[in-house]
Amino acid sequence: MVSNTIDAGMMAKFFLAGAKNLENNKEWINELNVFPVPDGDTGTNMTLTIMSAAKEVAALNDMGDIDMESLCKAISSGSLRGARGNSGVILSQLFRGFTKVVKECDNITIPVIATAFEKAVETAYKAVMKPKEGTILTVAKGAAIKARELADSGMEDMAEFLKQVIARAEEVLEQTPEMLPVLKQAGVVDSGGQGLVLVLKGAYDAFMGKEIDLSISGAATVSSGVKATGMNADAQANADIKFGYCTEFIIMLNKVFNIKAELDFKAYLESIGDSIVVVADDDVVKVHVHTNDPGLAIQRALKYGALSNMKIDNMRLEHQEKLFKMSQKEASVQESVPAEEQPRKDVGFIAVSVGDGINEIFQGLGVDYIIEGGQTMNPSTEDMLNAIEQVNADAIFILPNNKNIILAANQAQSLVKDKKIVVIPTKTVPQGITAVINYVPDMTVDENAETMTEEIKTVSTGQVTYAVRDTVIDDKEIKQGDFMGLGDSGILSVGTAISDVAMAMIDEMMSDEAELISIYYGSEITDEDAENLRSQVEEKYSSCDIELQYGGQPIYYYIVSVE
């Protein structure tokens, strides 16, 4: 029999169940991304946010005798510091508002939940500078309104109350495409709103007694402030690579390769190696094996037919190269002076960046600390706080360089008391570069903030990437694998050739006032291809200055700015 009140132990269970339900469906949430780009990460961001809190809640659970105040602190603090991306920050603010109300209660009743829902929505809306309807905020508000309506009606059945609140959240979610045309055109509901519904449904399943795995991997140790780190070079050096050559090839069959032949071949490969994959399809067989003698695998395979697409990698050599790079990186970290030992300066800079070329550009412009991140890997609020600790300055400018990171930066700003933190709302890398260039040491921090914020408005940015699914957006038909040029407000070009798409994108970005075109080419673009694009742009826009620089960024073949 279910209860009509919720104590701390039950609430912890419901929270963990909601977190697990979101985690189990994060890839589905990612696929709801409006634009078919390879960085739809709403599900990932929301999951990392809630799991940051879930680890703290799980640690409290393991200690036993959990109280509501400690639980609420774990939920609020854990999600606040672990928040990533706009959806993650909004989710953390919903939790923050909710826990402000329930932390004072030993047992939560329906009227308390209704008030907590309202406080959650109020807190989340305040965190967003320009709230947009048709998003997670709208779904949360719909649930809160329904909760208040049911509480005021005198409802006492908690199960029925939760059921109806979630049903209303789902109804509002289904309406989001009518509120945001871009959702309707893409044929999806709001991904953040869907994530919130999954959290609520997971909690409801636990309330109704459904058997759920509540284990949280890597649960935090509440009493410890030590952060786990990745395996270092010394530990890696002790790792044993039993079979040194990664061997891959395709057999073009010239004799029958039946089940018995396949089993015999696999058995032979197992006798000389591991990590074996043998996939037979009509007249070809794809083979992968780790072995110390690739020749033996090849010799046996030749009995079945000719070989093609042969590839042999020396994993031990690759391992040594990786160790060398890791040791270099560790050495640079060890040689760096701790923040507290650095001479205190008036102003410091933190930039979010990805790509060794772009990192070097920011460092050359005087940025003190680079947070590796961007699309597909939004840094958390805690990442921002850790960076702030590393810069010994009275005032620190943060350049998020991505619209999905600005809220996390703002959240970090609100948590820092001993330094003046200024977030310049840069939405792209070119905007971040422009902001730093326009910093004037003789001006005050506030004057610089105003100037930098104004200057980034003059920068138009375009980025070339690829489509991960078929869709139609902005009247452009897009096929999976097509290349797309994304502008500040939508898709500018689509095609099957990177250079053509990049050129068409630049054409759309140009204006009569344009004076400078900057091109940053990514890790998958050759120097030759980049130079060819530069030549095309120079020929067509001879009145503009053209700058070409290696960015080294993943996913985006070109990042282009027009000023």
Protein backbone atom coordinates (compact mmCIF):
# COMPACT_ATOMS: atom_id res chain seq x y z
CA MET A 1 0.00 0.00 0.00
CA VAL A 2 1.41 3.37 -1.00
CA SER A 3 1.65 6.24 1.48
CA ASN A 4 0.07 9.67 1.18
CA THR A 5 3.16 11.34 2.64
CA ILE A 6 6.82 11.09 1.68
CA ASP A 7 9.65 10.95 4.19
CA ALA A 8 13.37 11.56 3.49
CA GLY A 9 14.19 7.93 2.82
CA MET A 10 11.35 7.61 0.33
CA MET A 11 12.25 10.87 -1.37
CA ALA A 12 15.86 9.74 -1.80
CA LYS A 13 14.61 6.56 -3.45
CA PHE A 14 12.30 8.52 -5.77
CA PHE A 15 15.07 10.93 -6.74
CA LEU A 16 17.48 8.10 -7.56
CA ALA A 17 14.77 6.36 -9.60
CA GLY A 18 14.13 9.54 -11.57
CA ALA A 19 17.85 9.96 -12.20
CA LYS A 20 18.20 6.38 -13.42
CA ASN A 21 15.21 6.71 -15.75
CA LEU A 22 16.78 9.79 -17.32
CA GLU A 23 20.16 8.09 -17.62
CA ASN A 24 18.61 5.04 -19.28
CA ASN A 25 16.98 7.22 -21.93
CA LYS A 26 19.63 9.90 -22.46
CA GLU A 27 20.46 8.86 -26.03
CA TRP A 28 16.81 9.11 -26.98
CA ILE A 29 16.75 12.64 -25.51
CA ASN A 30 19.89 13.50 -27.49
CA GLU A 31 18.16 12.42 -30.70
CA LEU A 32 15.37 14.95 -30.10
CA ASN A 33 17.81 17.74 -30.93
CA VAL A 34 16.14 20.10 -33.43
CA PHE A 35 19.14 20.47 -35.69
CA PRO A 36 20.53 17.20 -37.09
CA VAL A 37 24.06 18.00 -35.92
CA PRO A 38 26.42 15.53 -34.20
CA ASP A 39 26.25 17.42 -30.91
CA GLY A 40 22.68 16.94 -29.73
CA ASP A 41 23.61 16.65 -26.07
CA THR A 42 20.55 17.66 -24.02
CA GLY A 43 20.17 14.13 -22.66
CA THR A 44 23.85 13.91 -21.81
CA ASN A 45 23.88 17.31 -20.09
CA MET A 46 20.76 16.62 -18.04
CA THR A 47 22.03 13.16 -17.08
CA LEU A 48 25.45 14.44 -15.96
CA THR A 49 23.69 17.15 -13.96
CA ILE A 50 21.30 14.85 -12.12
CA MET A 51 23.94 12.14 -11.65
CA SER A 52 26.21 14.63 -9.92
CA ALA A 53 23.47 14.98 -7.30
CA ALA A 54 22.52 11.28 -7.41
CA LYS A 55 26.03 10.26 -6.35
CA GLU A 56 25.76 12.45 -3.25
CA VAL A 57 22.27 11.15 -2.50
CA ALA A 58 23.45 7.55 -2.91
CA ALA A 59 26.30 8.21 -0.48
CA LEU A 60 23.83 9.53 2.10
CA ASN A 61 21.60 6.52 1.50
CA ASP A 62 24.49 4.16 2.18
CA MET A 63 25.10 5.88 5.51
CA GLY A 64 21.49 5.21 6.59
CA ASP A 65 19.13 7.28 8.75
CA ILE A 66 18.87 10.02 6.13
CA ASP A 67 17.19 13.33 7.07
CA MET A 68 15.35 15.73 4.77
CA GLU A 69 17.69 18.69 5.25
CA SER A 70 20.82 16.68 4.36
CA LEU A 71 19.04 15.09 1.41
CA CYS A 72 17.92 18.46 0.04
CA LYS A 73 21.41 19.85 0.42
CA ALA A 74 22.83 16.90 -1.52
CA ILE A 75 20.28 17.32 -4.32
CA SER A 76 20.62 21.09 -4.56
CA SER A 77 24.40 21.35 -4.18
CA GLY A 78 25.18 18.29 -6.27
CA SER A 79 23.03 19.36 -9.21
CA LEU A 80 24.10 22.99 -8.94
CA ARG A 81 27.82 22.20 -9.19
CA GLY A 82 27.37 19.45 -11.75
CA ALA A 83 25.07 21.47 -14.04
CA ARG A 84 26.03 21.37 -17.73
CA GLY A 85 24.39 23.09 -20.66
CA ASN A 86 21.25 25.20 -20.53
CA SER A 87 19.01 22.19 -19.90
CA GLY A 88 21.22 20.99 -17.05
CA VAL A 89 21.36 24.41 -15.41
CA ILE A 90 17.57 24.79 -15.63
CA LEU A 91 17.12 21.29 -14.17
CA SER A 92 19.46 22.17 -11.29
CA GLN A 93 17.47 25.34 -10.62
CA LEU A 94 14.22 23.36 -10.56
CA PHE A 95 15.76 21.08 -7.93
CA ARG A 96 17.12 24.07 -6.04
CA GLY A 97 13.70 25.73 -5.82
CA PHE A 98 11.92 22.48 -4.95
CA THR A 99 14.33 21.62 -2.12
CA LYS A 100 14.06 25.12 -0.61
CA VAL A 101 10.49 24.27 0.33
CA VAL A 102 10.66 20.61 1.30
CA LYS A 103 13.88 20.80 3.38
CA GLU A 104 11.87 22.09 6.34
CA CYS A 105 9.50 19.09 6.32
CA ASP A 106 9.96 15.67 7.89
CA ASN A 107 7.07 14.35 5.80
CA ILE A 108 6.04 15.85 2.49
CA THR A 109 2.30 16.20 1.81
CA ILE A 110 0.42 17.13 -1.37
CA PRO A 111 0.12 20.85 -0.42
CA VAL A 112 3.88 20.95 0.27
CA ILE A 113 4.66 19.38 -3.11
CA ALA A 114 2.42 21.92 -4.85
CA THR A 115 4.25 24.80 -3.14
CA ALA A 116 7.61 23.20 -3.92
CA PHE A 117 6.69 22.83 -7.60
CA GLU A 118 5.77 26.52 -7.73
CA LYS A 119 9.04 27.54 -6.06
CA ALA A 120 10.95 25.29 -8.48
CA VAL A 121 9.39 27.00 -11.50
CA GLU A 122 9.92 30.48 -10.04
CA THR A 123 13.61 29.74 -9.37
CA ALA A 124 14.21 28.26 -12.82
CA TYR A 125 12.54 31.14 -14.67
CA LYS A 126 14.67 33.66 -12.74
CA ALA A 127 17.85 31.84 -13.82
CA VAL A 128 17.13 32.40 -17.51
CA MET A 129 17.60 35.92 -18.85
CA LYS A 130 15.03 35.52 -21.63
CA PRO A 131 12.76 32.57 -20.79
CA LYS A 132 11.29 30.92 -23.87
CA GLU A 133 8.00 29.06 -23.87
CA GLY A 134 7.82 25.64 -25.47
CA THR A 135 10.77 24.41 -23.42
CA ILE A 136 11.46 22.53 -20.18
CA LEU A 137 10.31 25.68 -18.35
CA THR A 138 6.85 25.45 -19.88
CA VAL A 139 6.55 21.75 -19.04
CA ALA A 140 7.58 22.43 -15.43
CA LYS A 141 5.11 25.31 -15.18
CA GLY A 142 2.28 23.14 -16.51
CA ALA A 143 3.03 20.50 -13.88
CA ALA A 144 3.17 23.14 -11.12
CA ILE A 145 -0.19 24.66 -12.11
CA LYS A 146 -1.82 21.23 -12.08
CA ALA A 147 -0.24 20.41 -8.71
CA ARG A 148 -1.66 23.60 -7.18
CA GLU A 149 -5.10 22.94 -8.69
CA LEU A 150 -5.23 19.42 -7.22
CA ALA A 151 -3.87 20.52 -3.82
CA ASP A 152 -6.45 23.31 -3.54
CA SER A 153 -9.21 20.83 -4.42
CA GLY A 154 -8.35 18.90 -1.25
CA MET A 155 -6.98 15.80 -2.94
CA GLU A 156 -5.34 13.43 -0.44
CA ASP A 157 -4.47 10.44 -2.64
CA MET A 158 -0.73 10.91 -3.35
CA ALA A 159 -0.62 8.26 -6.08
CA GLU A 160 -3.50 9.85 -7.98
CA PHE A 161 -2.02 13.32 -7.42
CA LEU A 162 1.35 12.36 -8.91
CA LYS A 163 -0.31 10.50 -11.77
CA GLN A 164 -2.35 13.54 -12.78
CA VAL A 165 0.56 15.97 -12.43
CA ILE A 166 2.73 13.83 -14.70
CA ALA A 167 -0.11 13.41 -17.17
CA ARG A 168 -0.41 17.20 -17.36
CA ALA A 169 3.36 17.53 -17.86
CA GLU A 170 3.09 15.09 -20.78
CA GLU A 171 0.18 17.04 -22.27
CA VAL A 172 2.18 20.27 -22.16
CA LEU A 173 5.19 18.46 -23.64
CA GLU A 174 3.07 17.35 -26.60
CA GLN A 175 2.05 20.98 -27.11
CA THR A 176 5.62 22.32 -27.28
CA PRO A 177 5.84 21.99 -31.10
CA GLU A 178 2.87 24.39 -31.34
CA MET A 179 4.74 26.92 -29.19
CA LEU A 180 8.07 26.68 -31.01
CA PRO A 181 7.74 26.41 -34.80
CA VAL A 182 11.27 25.02 -35.07
CA LEU A 183 10.17 21.99 -33.04
CA LYS A 184 7.15 21.47 -35.26
CA GLN A 185 9.22 21.71 -38.42
CA ALA A 186 11.70 19.15 -37.08
CA GLY A 187 8.87 16.88 -35.93
CA VAL A 188 10.04 16.64 -32.30
CA VAL A 189 8.96 17.73 -28.83
CA ASP A 190 11.27 19.78 -26.61
CA SER A 191 14.15 17.58 -25.50
CA GLY A 192 14.59 19.27 -22.11
CA GLY A 193 10.90 18.94 -21.36
CA GLN A 194 11.03 15.26 -22.31
CA GLY A 195 13.95 14.80 -19.93
CA LEU A 196 11.99 16.36 -17.07
CA VAL A 197 9.01 14.08 -17.76
CA LEU A 198 11.33 11.06 -17.61
CA VAL A 199 12.60 12.15 -14.20
CA LEU A 200 9.04 12.52 -12.90
CA LYS A 201 7.93 9.18 -14.34
CA GLY A 202 10.94 7.38 -12.86
CA ALA A 203 10.11 8.78 -9.43
CA TYR A 204 6.46 7.79 -9.84
CA ASP A 205 7.40 4.22 -10.77
CA ALA A 206 9.42 3.96 -7.57
CA PHE A 207 6.51 5.41 -5.57
CA MET A 208 4.22 2.75 -6.99
CA GLY A 209 6.61 0.00 -5.92
CA LYS A 210 8.12 -0.89 -9.29
CA GLU A 211 11.38 -2.81 -8.93
CA ILE A 212 14.17 -0.44 -10.02
CA ASP A 213 17.94 -0.73 -9.95
CA LEU A 214 18.92 2.29 -7.84
CA SER A 215 22.66 1.63 -7.82
CA ILE A 216 24.69 4.68 -8.80
CA SER A 217 28.18 4.00 -10.13
CA GLY A 218 30.94 6.07 -8.58
CA ALA A 219 28.83 7.27 -5.66
CA ALA A 220 30.49 10.19 -3.94
CA THR A 221 32.01 9.95 -0.47
CA VAL A 222 30.31 12.74 1.42
CA SER A 223 33.08 13.25 3.94
CA SER A 224 35.81 13.53 1.32
CA GLY A 225 36.64 16.56 -0.77
CA VAL A 226 39.05 14.61 -2.96
CA LYS A 227 38.15 14.45 -6.62
CA ALA A 228 38.90 11.26 -8.54
CA THR A 229 41.36 11.71 -11.41
CA GLY A 230 42.06 9.72 -14.52
CA MET A 231 44.80 7.11 -14.75
CA ASN A 232 48.19 8.82 -14.89
CA ALA A 233 51.24 7.97 -16.96
CA ASP A 234 52.86 5.80 -14.26
CA ALA A 235 49.72 3.70 -13.90
CA GLN A 236 49.37 3.44 -17.66
CA ALA A 237 52.98 2.35 -18.00
CA ASN A 238 52.25 -0.66 -15.82
CA ALA A 239 49.32 -1.71 -18.01
CA ASP A 240 50.13 -4.92 -19.84
CA ILE A 241 49.35 -5.17 -23.55
CA LYS A 242 49.22 -8.91 -24.07
CA PHE A 243 48.76 -8.81 -27.86
CA GLY A 244 50.56 -6.01 -29.63
CA TYR A 245 49.04 -5.74 -33.11
CA CYS A 246 45.50 -4.65 -33.92
CA THR A 247 44.83 -6.49 -37.18
CA GLU A 248 41.87 -5.88 -39.48
CA PHE A 249 41.04 -7.08 -42.99
CA ILE A 250 38.24 -8.25 -45.25
CA ILE A 251 38.19 -11.70 -46.85
CA MET A 252 36.74 -11.78 -50.37
CA LEU A 253 35.45 -15.37 -50.23
CA ASN A 254 36.20 -17.84 -53.01
CA LYS A 255 34.94 -20.94 -51.19
CA VAL A 256 32.06 -21.84 -48.89
CA PHE A 257 32.28 -20.16 -45.48
CA ASN A 258 29.60 -22.04 -43.57
CA ILE A 259 28.96 -22.08 -39.83
CA LYS A 260 31.57 -24.80 -39.26
CA ALA A 261 34.21 -22.88 -41.23
CA GLU A 262 33.38 -19.72 -39.28
CA LEU A 263 33.67 -21.51 -35.93
CA ASP A 264 36.96 -23.13 -36.96
CA PHE A 265 38.37 -19.78 -38.06
CA LYS A 266 37.30 -18.07 -34.82
CA ALA A 267 38.81 -20.90 -32.78
CA TYR A 268 42.12 -20.47 -34.59
CA LEU A 269 42.10 -16.71 -34.00
CA GLU A 270 41.39 -17.29 -30.31
CA SER A 271 44.47 -19.49 -30.15
CA ILE A 272 46.69 -16.63 -31.34
CA GLY A 273 44.97 -13.52 -29.93
CA ASP A 274 41.92 -11.83 -28.42
CA SER A 275 39.37 -9.04 -29.12
CA ILE A 276 38.09 -11.14 -32.00
CA VAL A 277 35.31 -10.03 -34.31
CA VAL A 278 34.34 -12.13 -37.34
CA VAL A 279 31.33 -10.93 -39.30
CA ALA A 280 30.31 -12.94 -42.39
CA ASP A 281 28.00 -11.35 -44.97
CA ASP A 282 27.33 -13.15 -48.27
CA ASP A 283 30.68 -13.24 -50.09
CA VAL A 284 32.79 -11.17 -47.65
CA VAL A 285 34.02 -11.62 -44.07
CA LYS A 286 35.11 -8.69 -41.87
CA VAL A 287 37.84 -9.70 -39.40
CA HIS A 288 39.32 -7.95 -36.36
CA VAL A 289 41.86 -9.51 -33.96
CA HIS A 290 44.56 -8.44 -31.52
CA THR A 291 47.58 -10.74 -31.92
CA ASN A 292 51.35 -10.85 -31.63
CA ASP A 293 51.70 -12.39 -35.11
CA PRO A 294 49.42 -10.78 -37.73
CA GLY A 295 51.01 -13.02 -40.37
CA LEU A 296 49.43 -16.12 -38.86
CA ALA A 297 45.95 -14.58 -39.00
CA ILE A 298 46.54 -13.45 -42.57
CA GLN A 299 47.93 -16.83 -43.64
CA ARG A 300 44.91 -18.69 -42.27
CA ALA A 301 42.49 -16.17 -43.83
CA LEU A 302 44.05 -16.65 -47.28
CA LYS A 303 42.67 -20.19 -47.28
CA TYR A 304 39.19 -18.72 -47.68
CA GLY A 305 39.89 -16.05 -50.31
CA ALA A 306 41.72 -12.88 -51.26
CA LEU A 307 42.23 -10.11 -48.70
CA SER A 308 41.46 -6.39 -48.90
CA ASN A 309 41.28 -3.34 -46.61
CA MET A 310 44.19 -4.65 -44.57
CA LYS A 311 45.21 -2.56 -41.55
CA ILE A 312 47.76 -3.43 -38.87
CA ASP A 313 48.48 -1.07 -35.97
CA ASN A 314 51.27 -1.49 -33.43
CA MET A 315 49.36 -0.96 -30.18
CA ARG A 316 52.50 -1.02 -28.05
CA LEU A 317 54.00 1.81 -30.09
CA GLU A 318 50.75 3.75 -29.89
CA HIS A 319 50.70 3.09 -26.15
CA GLN A 320 54.22 4.49 -25.76
CA GLU A 321 53.28 7.58 -27.76
CA LYS A 322 50.25 8.05 -25.56
CA LEU A 323 52.40 7.69 -22.44
CA PHE A 324 54.82 10.27 -23.79
CA LYS A 325 52.02 12.76 -24.38
CA MET A 326 50.53 12.04 -20.95
CA SER A 327 53.88 12.50 -19.21
CA GLN A 328 54.39 15.79 -21.05
CA LYS A 329 50.97 16.97 -19.97
CA GLU A 330 51.55 15.87 -16.37
CA ALA A 331 54.94 17.55 -16.35
CA SER A 332 53.42 20.82 -17.51
CA VAL A 333 50.79 20.57 -14.77
CA GLN A 334 53.43 19.82 -12.14
CA GLU A 335 55.59 22.70 -13.31
CA SER A 336 52.71 25.18 -13.21
CA VAL A 337 52.65 27.41 -10.18
CA PRO A 338 49.61 26.96 -7.89
CA ALA A 339 47.24 29.91 -8.05
CA GLU A 340 47.91 30.98 -4.48
CA GLU A 341 51.66 31.19 -5.23
CA GLN A 342 51.22 33.28 -8.38
CA PRO A 343 51.54 37.05 -8.04
CA ARG A 344 48.07 38.50 -7.63
CA LYS A 345 46.99 40.53 -10.63
CA ASP A 346 44.10 42.84 -11.31
CA VAL A 347 42.44 40.96 -14.17
CA GLY A 348 42.47 37.38 -15.46
CA PHE A 349 40.76 35.52 -18.30
CA ILE A 350 39.15 32.10 -18.60
CA ALA A 351 38.00 30.79 -22.00
CA VAL A 352 36.14 27.64 -23.00
CA SER A 353 37.84 26.22 -26.07
CA VAL A 354 38.45 23.02 -28.00
CA GLY A 355 41.14 22.35 -30.59
CA ASP A 356 44.87 22.83 -30.09
CA GLY A 357 45.04 25.63 -32.65
CA ILE A 358 42.22 27.64 -31.08
CA ASN A 359 43.68 27.01 -27.62
CA GLU A 360 46.99 28.50 -28.78
CA ILE A 361 45.22 31.55 -30.17
CA PHE A 362 43.53 32.25 -26.84
CA GLN A 363 46.75 31.67 -24.91
CA GLY A 364 48.57 34.01 -27.26
CA LEU A 365 45.98 36.68 -26.51
CA GLY A 366 46.68 36.39 -22.79
CA VAL A 367 43.98 34.01 -21.58
CA ASP A 368 45.13 32.53 -18.27
CA TYR A 369 43.13 29.31 -18.20
CA ILE A 370 41.55 27.20 -20.94
CA ILE A 371 38.61 24.95 -20.09
CA GLU A 372 38.56 22.17 -22.68
CA GLY A 373 35.01 21.90 -23.89
CA GLY A 374 32.33 23.17 -26.20
CA GLN A 375 29.82 21.27 -28.30
CA THR A 376 29.34 17.64 -27.20
CA MET A 377 31.20 18.27 -23.95
CA ASN A 378 29.76 21.27 -22.12
CA PRO A 379 31.79 22.06 -18.98
CA SER A 380 29.91 22.03 -15.69
CA THR A 381 29.48 24.77 -13.12
CA GLU A 382 32.07 22.95 -11.02
CA ASP A 383 34.53 22.99 -13.94
CA MET A 384 34.07 26.77 -14.01
CA LEU A 385 34.62 27.05 -10.26
CA ASN A 386 37.80 24.94 -10.46
CA ALA A 387 39.11 27.19 -13.24
CA ILE A 388 38.35 30.30 -11.21
CA GLU A 389 40.40 28.86 -8.33
CA GLN A 390 43.38 28.48 -10.66
CA VAL A 391 43.48 32.17 -11.66
CA ASN A 392 44.89 34.48 -8.98
CA ALA A 393 43.20 37.71 -9.96
CA ASP A 394 40.87 40.24 -8.36
CA ALA A 395 38.58 40.19 -11.37
CA ILE A 396 38.14 37.37 -13.90
CA PHE A 397 36.45 37.52 -17.28
CA ILE A 398 34.86 34.24 -18.41
CA LEU A 399 34.31 33.63 -22.12
CA PRO A 400 31.89 30.67 -22.52
CA ASN A 401 32.14 30.76 -26.35
CA ASN A 402 28.99 28.68 -26.66
CA LYS A 403 25.37 29.64 -26.03
CA ASN A 404 24.82 26.36 -24.17
CA ILE A 405 27.55 27.17 -21.62
CA ILE A 406 26.59 30.72 -20.65
CA LEU A 407 24.11 29.64 -17.95
CA ALA A 408 26.70 27.39 -16.28
CA ALA A 409 29.16 30.30 -16.27
CA ASN A 410 26.52 32.60 -14.76
CA GLN A 411 25.78 29.98 -12.11
CA ALA A 412 29.48 29.79 -11.21
CA GLN A 413 29.60 33.57 -11.04
CA SER A 414 26.82 33.59 -8.44
CA LEU A 415 28.72 31.14 -6.22
CA VAL A 416 32.03 33.05 -6.06
CA LYS A 417 32.38 35.68 -3.32
CA ASP A 418 36.11 36.49 -3.11
CA LYS A 419 36.65 37.56 -6.74
CA LYS A 420 34.72 39.72 -9.18
CA ILE A 421 33.54 37.38 -11.94
CA VAL A 422 32.33 38.85 -15.22
CA VAL A 423 30.71 36.59 -17.80
CA ILE A 424 30.91 37.98 -21.32
CA PRO A 425 28.06 36.20 -23.17
CA THR A 426 30.16 34.95 -26.09
CA LYS A 427 28.23 32.32 -28.05
CA THR A 428 31.03 31.31 -30.43
CA VAL A 429 34.82 31.05 -30.50
CA PRO A 430 35.19 34.03 -32.89
CA GLN A 431 33.14 36.15 -30.49
CA GLY A 432 35.48 35.09 -27.67
CA ILE A 433 38.55 36.07 -29.68
CA THR A 434 37.00 39.45 -30.51
CA ALA A 435 36.16 40.02 -26.84
CA VAL A 436 39.75 39.45 -25.70
CA ILE A 437 41.19 41.58 -28.49
CA ASN A 438 38.99 44.49 -27.40
CA TYR A 439 40.11 44.37 -23.76
CA VAL A 440 41.86 47.64 -22.79
CA PRO A 441 44.04 47.49 -19.63
CA ASP A 442 43.60 51.21 -18.89
CA MET A 443 39.80 50.86 -18.66
CA THR A 444 37.90 49.64 -15.60
CA VAL A 445 36.50 46.13 -15.41
CA ASP A 446 32.95 47.41 -15.90
CA GLU A 447 33.96 49.61 -18.83
CA ASN A 448 35.74 46.68 -20.47
CA ALA A 449 32.75 44.41 -19.88
CA GLU A 450 30.48 46.90 -21.62
CA THR A 451 32.88 47.39 -24.55
CA MET A 452 33.55 43.67 -25.02
CA THR A 453 29.84 42.84 -24.89
CA GLU A 454 29.10 45.46 -27.54
CA GLU A 455 31.95 44.39 -29.81
CA ILE A 456 30.90 40.71 -29.95
CA LYS A 457 27.60 41.84 -31.45
CA THR A 458 29.48 42.83 -34.61
CA VAL A 459 30.69 39.26 -35.19
CA SER A 460 28.73 36.87 -37.40
CA THR A 461 29.73 33.23 -37.09
CA GLY A 462 29.23 30.24 -39.36
CA GLN A 463 30.20 26.62 -38.74
CA VAL A 464 30.36 23.69 -41.14
CA THR A 465 29.47 20.22 -39.84
CA TYR A 466 27.55 17.14 -41.00
CA ALA A 467 23.98 15.91 -40.60
CA VAL A 468 23.24 12.86 -38.45
CA ARG A 469 19.69 12.31 -39.75
CA ASP A 470 17.25 13.23 -42.51
CA THR A 471 15.09 16.27 -41.87
CA VAL A 472 13.69 19.50 -43.35
CA ILE A 473 14.62 22.78 -41.64
CA ASP A 474 14.29 26.35 -42.91
CA ASP A 475 12.87 24.93 -46.15
CA LYS A 476 16.09 23.02 -46.72
CA GLU A 477 15.93 19.26 -47.29
CA ILE A 478 18.77 17.58 -45.41
CA LYS A 479 19.93 14.01 -45.79
CA GLN A 480 22.01 12.05 -43.30
CA GLY A 481 25.67 12.59 -44.17
CA ASP A 482 25.10 15.95 -45.89
CA PHE A 483 27.31 18.85 -44.89
CA MET A 484 25.64 21.92 -43.36
CA GLY A 485 26.65 25.51 -42.80
CA LEU A 486 25.13 26.74 -39.55
CA GLY A 487 24.77 30.47 -38.94
CA ASP A 488 23.91 32.42 -35.81
CA SER A 489 20.19 31.91 -36.35
CA GLY A 490 19.80 28.84 -38.54
CA ILE A 491 21.04 26.68 -41.38
CA LEU A 492 22.63 28.74 -44.16
CA SER A 493 23.74 26.06 -46.62
CA VAL A 494 23.48 22.34 -47.32
CA GLY A 495 25.37 20.12 -49.75
CA THR A 496 27.56 17.12 -50.37
CA ALA A 497 30.95 18.89 -50.65
CA ILE A 498 32.53 20.60 -47.64
CA SER A 499 34.16 23.45 -49.58
CA ASP A 500 30.98 24.22 -51.55
CA VAL A 501 28.93 24.31 -48.35
CA ALA A 502 31.51 26.53 -46.64
CA MET A 503 31.57 28.95 -49.56
CA ALA A 504 27.78 29.11 -49.77
CA MET A 505 27.63 29.71 -46.02
CA ILE A 506 30.09 32.62 -46.28
CA ASP A 507 28.04 34.09 -49.12
CA GLU A 508 25.00 34.12 -46.84
CA MET A 509 26.99 35.72 -44.00
CA MET A 510 28.40 38.59 -46.05
CA SER A 511 27.17 42.19 -45.82
CA ASP A 512 28.17 45.48 -47.42
CA GLU A 513 29.91 46.51 -44.19
CA ALA A 514 32.06 43.36 -43.91
CA GLU A 515 35.79 44.05 -43.69
CA LEU A 516 37.34 40.89 -42.21
CA ILE A 517 36.71 37.20 -42.85
CA SER A 518 38.45 34.79 -40.44
CA ILE A 519 38.57 31.06 -41.23
CA TYR A 520 39.54 28.46 -38.63
CA TYR A 521 39.89 24.97 -40.08
CA GLY A 522 39.35 21.81 -38.08
CA SER A 523 41.30 18.65 -37.37
CA GLU A 524 39.85 16.78 -40.38
CA ILE A 525 40.70 19.47 -42.96
CA THR A 526 44.06 19.36 -44.75
CA ASP A 527 46.23 22.45 -45.13
CA GLU A 528 45.76 22.20 -48.89
CA ASP A 529 41.96 22.16 -48.70
CA ALA A 530 41.98 25.09 -46.29
CA GLU A 531 44.25 27.11 -48.60
CA ASN A 532 41.97 26.35 -51.54
CA LEU A 533 38.98 27.71 -49.63
CA ARG A 534 40.93 30.81 -48.68
CA SER A 535 41.79 31.38 -52.35
CA GLN A 536 38.12 31.11 -53.35
CA VAL A 537 37.10 33.59 -50.66
CA GLU A 538 39.91 36.02 -51.58
CA GLU A 539 38.94 35.92 -55.23
CA LYS A 540 35.26 36.60 -54.55
CA TYR A 541 35.68 39.10 -51.72
CA SER A 542 38.85 40.95 -52.68
CA SER A 543 37.89 44.06 -50.69
CA CYS A 544 37.99 42.11 -47.40
CA ASP A 545 40.97 40.99 -45.35
CA ILE A 546 41.07 37.19 -45.21
CA GLU A 547 42.68 35.38 -42.27
CA LEU A 548 43.21 31.61 -42.30
CA GLN A 549 44.26 29.84 -39.11
CA TYR A 550 44.46 26.25 -37.95
CA GLY A 551 41.88 25.65 -35.24
CA GLY A 552 42.14 21.90 -34.83
CA GLN A 553 38.55 21.69 -33.59
CA PRO A 554 36.65 18.39 -33.91
CA ILE A 555 33.18 17.98 -35.48
CA TYR A 556 33.22 21.40 -37.15
CA TYR A 557 35.26 21.36 -40.37
CA TYR A 558 35.32 25.14 -40.55
CA ILE A 559 34.47 27.94 -38.16
CA VAL A 560 34.17 31.25 -39.99
CA SER A 561 33.59 34.76 -38.71
CA VAL A 562 32.64 37.87 -40.66
CA GLU A 563 33.16 41.30 -39.11
